[in-house]
Protein backbone atom coordinates (compact mmCIF):
# COMPACT_ATOMS: atom_id res chain seq x y z
CA MET A 1 -65.77 -10.62 35.49
CA LYS A 2 -65.81 -7.33 37.34
CA LEU A 3 -62.62 -6.45 39.21
CA SER A 4 -62.73 -5.12 42.70
CA LYS A 5 -61.36 -1.69 43.50
CA ARG A 6 -58.24 -3.23 45.11
CA GLU A 7 -57.63 -5.43 42.05
CA ARG A 8 -58.05 -2.49 39.69
CA GLU A 9 -55.54 -0.48 41.71
CA ARG A 10 -53.04 -3.36 41.68
CA LEU A 11 -53.46 -3.78 37.90
CA ARG A 12 -52.92 -0.07 37.37
CA LYS A 13 -49.68 -0.15 39.38
CA ASN A 14 -48.46 -3.20 37.45
CA ILE A 15 -49.13 -1.46 34.13
CA ILE A 16 -47.21 1.61 35.31
CA VAL A 17 -44.24 -0.51 36.44
CA ILE A 18 -44.17 -2.41 33.13
CA SER A 19 -44.46 0.81 31.13
CA VAL A 20 -41.61 2.43 33.02
CA ALA A 21 -39.45 -0.68 32.51
CA VAL A 22 -40.18 -0.69 28.76
CA VAL A 23 -39.34 3.01 28.45
CA LEU A 24 -36.09 2.54 30.37
CA LEU A 25 -35.12 -0.47 28.25
CA ALA A 26 -35.87 1.47 25.06
CA ALA A 27 -33.76 4.39 26.32
CA ILE A 28 -30.85 2.06 27.10
CA VAL A 29 -31.05 0.42 23.66
CA LEU A 30 -31.23 3.82 21.96
CA ALA A 31 -28.22 5.06 23.93
CA ILE A 32 -26.20 1.98 22.90
CA VAL A 33 -27.15 2.39 19.23
CA MET A 34 -26.22 6.09 19.27
CA LYS A 35 -22.88 5.34 20.92
CA ILE A 36 -22.06 2.70 18.31
CA LYS A 37 -22.96 5.11 15.50
CA LYS A 38 -20.85 7.83 17.09
CA ASN A 39 -17.88 5.52 17.50
CA ASN A 40 -18.21 4.30 13.93
CA SER A 41 -18.40 7.86 12.69
CA GLN A 42 -15.36 8.87 14.69
CA THR A 43 -13.45 5.79 13.51
CA ALA A 44 -14.34 6.50 9.89
CA ASP A 45 -13.10 10.06 10.25
CA GLN A 46 -9.86 9.07 11.94
CA GLY A 47 -6.82 8.31 9.84
CA ILE A 48 -3.97 9.98 7.99
CA VAL A 49 -4.19 13.09 5.83
CA LEU A 50 -1.15 13.97 3.74
CA ILE A 51 -0.89 17.10 1.61
CA TYR A 52 1.76 17.31 -1.11
CA GLN A 53 3.07 19.80 -3.62
CA ILE A 54 4.89 18.95 -6.83
CA ASP A 55 8.44 20.28 -6.99
CA GLY A 56 9.50 22.39 -9.96
CA GLU A 57 7.95 22.71 -13.40
CA HIS A 58 5.37 20.10 -14.31
CA THR A 59 2.59 19.38 -16.77
CA ASP A 60 -1.01 18.20 -16.37
CA GLU A 61 0.24 14.79 -17.45
CA ASP A 62 2.73 14.80 -14.57
CA VAL A 63 -0.05 15.67 -12.10
CA ASN A 64 -2.25 12.86 -13.42
CA GLY A 65 0.69 10.48 -13.14
CA VAL A 66 1.26 11.45 -9.51
CA LEU A 67 -2.45 11.07 -8.70
CA SER A 68 -2.59 7.63 -10.33
CA VAL A 69 0.48 6.26 -8.53
CA MET A 70 -0.48 7.77 -5.17
CA GLU A 71 -4.00 6.36 -5.39
CA LYS A 72 -2.66 2.86 -6.13
CA ARG A 73 -0.44 3.08 -3.07
CA ALA A 74 -3.14 4.49 -0.79
CA LYS A 75 -5.57 1.76 -1.87
CA ARG A 76 -3.08 -0.81 -0.59
CA TYR A 77 -4.08 0.31 2.89
CA SER A 78 -7.77 1.05 2.43
CA GLU A 79 -10.25 0.84 -0.42
CA ASN A 80 -11.83 3.98 1.06
CA ALA A 81 -8.68 6.04 0.55
CA GLU A 82 -9.03 9.29 -1.41
CA VAL A 83 -6.45 11.07 -3.55
CA TYR A 84 -7.29 14.30 -5.36
CA GLU A 85 -5.91 17.67 -6.48
CA LYS A 86 -7.21 20.87 -4.89
CA PRO A 87 -7.80 24.03 -6.97
CA ASN A 88 -4.60 25.56 -5.53
CA GLY A 89 -2.54 22.63 -6.84
CA ASP A 90 -2.12 20.77 -3.54
CA ILE A 91 -2.46 16.99 -3.78
CA VAL A 92 -4.40 15.48 -0.89
CA CYS A 93 -4.07 11.85 0.19
CA LYS A 94 -6.60 10.65 2.80
CA ILE A 95 -6.30 7.16 4.26
CA PRO A 96 -8.92 6.24 6.88
CA MET A 97 -7.74 4.37 9.94
CA LYS A 98 -10.72 2.05 9.74
CA THR A 99 -8.65 -0.69 8.11
CA LYS A 100 -6.25 -3.45 9.08
CA GLY A 101 -3.58 -2.34 11.49
CA TYR A 102 -0.60 -0.52 10.08
CA ASP A 103 2.40 1.51 11.14
CA PRO A 104 1.79 5.16 10.17
CA THR A 105 5.54 5.74 9.75
CA ASN A 106 5.87 2.93 7.21
CA LEU A 107 2.70 4.04 5.46
CA ILE A 108 3.93 7.60 5.04
CA ASP A 109 7.35 6.36 3.90
CA PHE A 110 5.59 4.17 1.34
CA ILE A 111 3.51 7.06 -0.01
CA ASN A 112 6.48 9.47 0.00
CA THR A 113 8.96 7.31 -1.93
CA LYS A 114 9.35 8.40 -5.55
CA GLY A 115 10.02 4.85 -6.72
CA ASP A 116 12.44 5.32 -9.64
CA PHE A 117 13.51 1.77 -10.53
CA LEU A 118 16.62 0.66 -12.42
CA LEU A 119 17.60 -2.83 -13.53
CA LEU A 120 21.27 -3.16 -14.48
CA ASP A 121 23.51 -6.02 -15.54
CA GLU A 122 26.94 -6.47 -13.94
CA ASN A 123 28.97 -4.46 -16.47
CA ASN A 124 26.60 -1.50 -16.43
CA ASN A 125 26.24 -1.65 -12.66
CA ASN A 126 29.98 -1.06 -12.33
CA THR A 127 29.71 1.91 -14.69
CA TYR A 128 26.62 3.22 -12.89
CA THR A 129 28.22 3.17 -9.45
CA SER A 130 31.31 4.93 -10.75
CA GLY A 131 29.17 7.78 -12.08
CA ASN A 132 29.87 7.22 -15.78
CA ARG A 133 27.55 6.43 -18.69
CA TYR A 134 25.60 3.20 -18.30
CA TYR A 135 22.89 1.15 -20.01
CA VAL A 136 19.64 0.46 -18.15
CA MET A 137 17.95 -2.84 -18.93
CA ALA A 138 14.60 -1.81 -17.44
CA LYS A 139 12.88 1.02 -15.58
CA ALA A 140 9.69 1.36 -13.52
CA PRO A 141 7.31 1.74 -16.53
CA ASP A 142 8.60 -1.61 -17.86
CA ILE A 143 7.26 -3.50 -14.82
CA VAL A 144 4.00 -5.39 -15.39
CA SER A 145 3.59 -6.75 -11.87
CA SER A 146 5.48 -7.40 -8.66
CA LYS A 147 4.66 -9.38 -5.53
CA ALA A 148 6.26 -10.71 -2.36
CA PHE A 149 5.73 -14.30 -1.29
CA ILE A 150 7.02 -17.06 0.97
CA GLU A 151 8.64 -19.96 -0.85
CA LYS A 152 8.80 -23.40 0.72
CA ASN A 153 12.29 -24.87 0.67
CA TYR A 154 12.38 -28.54 1.61
CA GLU A 155 16.19 -28.71 1.59
CA LEU A 156 16.50 -26.06 4.27
CA ASP A 157 14.91 -25.89 7.71
CA TYR A 158 13.29 -22.50 6.98
CA ASP A 159 11.20 -20.83 4.31
CA LEU A 160 12.51 -18.20 1.90
CA THR A 161 11.12 -14.70 1.40
CA ALA A 162 11.07 -13.70 -2.25
CA ILE A 163 10.02 -10.89 -4.58
CA SER A 164 9.04 -11.65 -8.16
CA ILE A 165 9.12 -8.86 -10.75
CA THR A 166 7.63 -9.41 -14.19
CA PHE A 167 8.55 -7.13 -17.09
CA ASP A 168 6.82 -6.34 -20.37
CA ASP A 169 7.41 -8.14 -23.68
CA GLU A 170 10.07 -5.70 -24.86
CA LYS A 171 12.23 -6.41 -21.82
CA LYS A 172 11.46 -10.11 -22.01
CA SER A 173 13.71 -10.56 -25.03
CA LYS A 174 16.51 -8.49 -23.45
CA ILE A 175 16.45 -10.53 -20.24
CA ARG A 176 16.31 -13.76 -22.24
CA ASP A 177 19.33 -12.72 -24.32
CA ALA A 178 21.26 -11.60 -21.24
CA THR A 179 20.87 -15.04 -19.63
CA ALA A 180 21.40 -17.17 -22.77
CA ASP A 181 25.04 -18.21 -22.29
CA GLY A 182 24.51 -20.41 -19.22
CA LYS A 183 27.04 -18.48 -17.15
CA LEU A 184 26.27 -16.89 -13.80
CA THR A 185 24.37 -13.69 -14.53
CA THR A 186 23.82 -11.04 -11.89
CA PHE A 187 21.17 -8.33 -12.11
CA TYR A 188 21.27 -5.30 -9.83
CA MET A 189 18.07 -3.50 -8.79
CA TYR A 190 17.87 0.06 -7.54
CA ILE A 191 15.11 2.28 -6.19
CA ASP A 192 15.79 6.03 -6.14
CA GLY A 193 19.49 5.44 -6.70
CA LYS A 194 19.89 2.94 -3.85
CA GLU A 195 20.55 -0.75 -4.49
CA PHE A 196 17.96 -2.88 -2.70
CA ALA A 197 18.42 -6.36 -4.19
CA LYS A 198 20.28 -8.59 -6.65
CA VAL A 199 19.14 -11.49 -8.80
CA TYR A 200 21.48 -14.39 -9.61
CA THR A 201 20.85 -17.02 -12.28
CA ARG A 202 22.69 -19.60 -14.38
CA GLU A 203 19.56 -20.49 -16.31
CA GLN A 204 18.05 -18.64 -19.23
CA ILE A 205 15.00 -16.66 -18.15
CA GLU A 206 12.19 -17.12 -20.65
CA ASP A 207 9.20 -15.59 -18.89
CA ALA A 208 10.56 -12.06 -18.14
CA THR A 209 10.20 -12.68 -14.39
CA LEU A 210 13.13 -12.06 -12.06
CA ILE A 211 13.03 -13.42 -8.50
CA THR A 212 15.21 -12.11 -5.70
CA TYR A 213 15.73 -13.69 -2.27
CA ASP A 214 17.91 -10.87 -0.94
CA ILE A 215 15.33 -9.35 1.41
CA LYS A 216 14.74 -11.69 4.35
CA ASP A 217 12.03 -9.77 6.17
CA TYR A 218 8.62 -10.33 4.57
CA ASN A 219 7.21 -6.93 5.57
CA GLN A 220 10.14 -5.18 3.92
CA ALA A 221 9.86 -7.41 0.86
CA ASN A 222 6.16 -6.60 0.64
CA PHE A 223 7.00 -2.89 0.92
CA TYR A 224 9.28 -3.06 -2.13
CA ALA A 225 6.94 -5.32 -4.09
CA ASN A 226 3.97 -3.00 -3.57
CA LEU A 227 6.13 0.00 -4.41
CA LEU A 228 7.23 -1.51 -7.73
CA ASP A 229 3.72 -2.69 -8.51
CA SER A 230 2.28 0.82 -8.07
CA GLY A 231 4.82 2.51 -10.35
CA SER A 232 6.92 5.62 -9.78
CA TYR A 233 6.04 9.31 -9.56
CA PRO A 234 6.91 11.06 -12.83
CA VAL A 235 8.11 14.11 -10.86
CA ASP A 236 9.24 14.78 -7.29
CA VAL A 237 6.56 15.40 -4.69
CA LYS A 238 7.10 17.20 -1.38
CA LEU A 239 5.13 16.47 1.79
CA MET A 240 3.82 19.77 3.19
CA ILE A 241 1.28 18.79 5.86
CA LYS A 242 0.91 15.55 7.84
CA GLU A 243 -2.10 14.91 10.08
CA ILE A 244 -2.55 11.69 12.05
CA ASN A 245 -5.80 11.39 14.02
């Protein structure tokens, strides 16, 4: 069927209108996609960059120890975290902000803490705090695992926050022997020379796991548990540059 001149003109105008609409729609979609990509790129780049130097004399083994511990801690916040040593000896810790929400102050405090752990019995705790010779039952390298958890207590009207710390087989026998007499035994736990919790028991501990209920706030308990689980720096590290984007 042959179209009249008026019909052909109307069809041409309709095609132009539709074409313009399609082009505009495509432009809008493209603009949205580019904005999303840009935002994602910016978000991925945002985060915390910490640059450290190791204090004093140190060996390659010390550097590797620092890198290993720092990476474990950074990975607690993001699997995309990076920890590496630069040719000039600086240690760089990058933690992208594209992760679950966190407080940068607590994060930096967590990464900065050396993490030297001491487990003392009551007699040696008294000697330790008086500055004399003392015997340490366990240190950070003796820890196998540590975690914070909420324990249901059906006798009380609230739940308990707890930290469990499991030690290796060598310390298992020492802890078992220390709790064998059935008397009240108290263990004292320190990080970087500061007492942070105690463990009380009248029962013999067979599984090398100590549980403390001293820290009531779960976030703080989780901080200590993650710190112990990651290990301690073999040497002191000093924060030189801090960038928060």
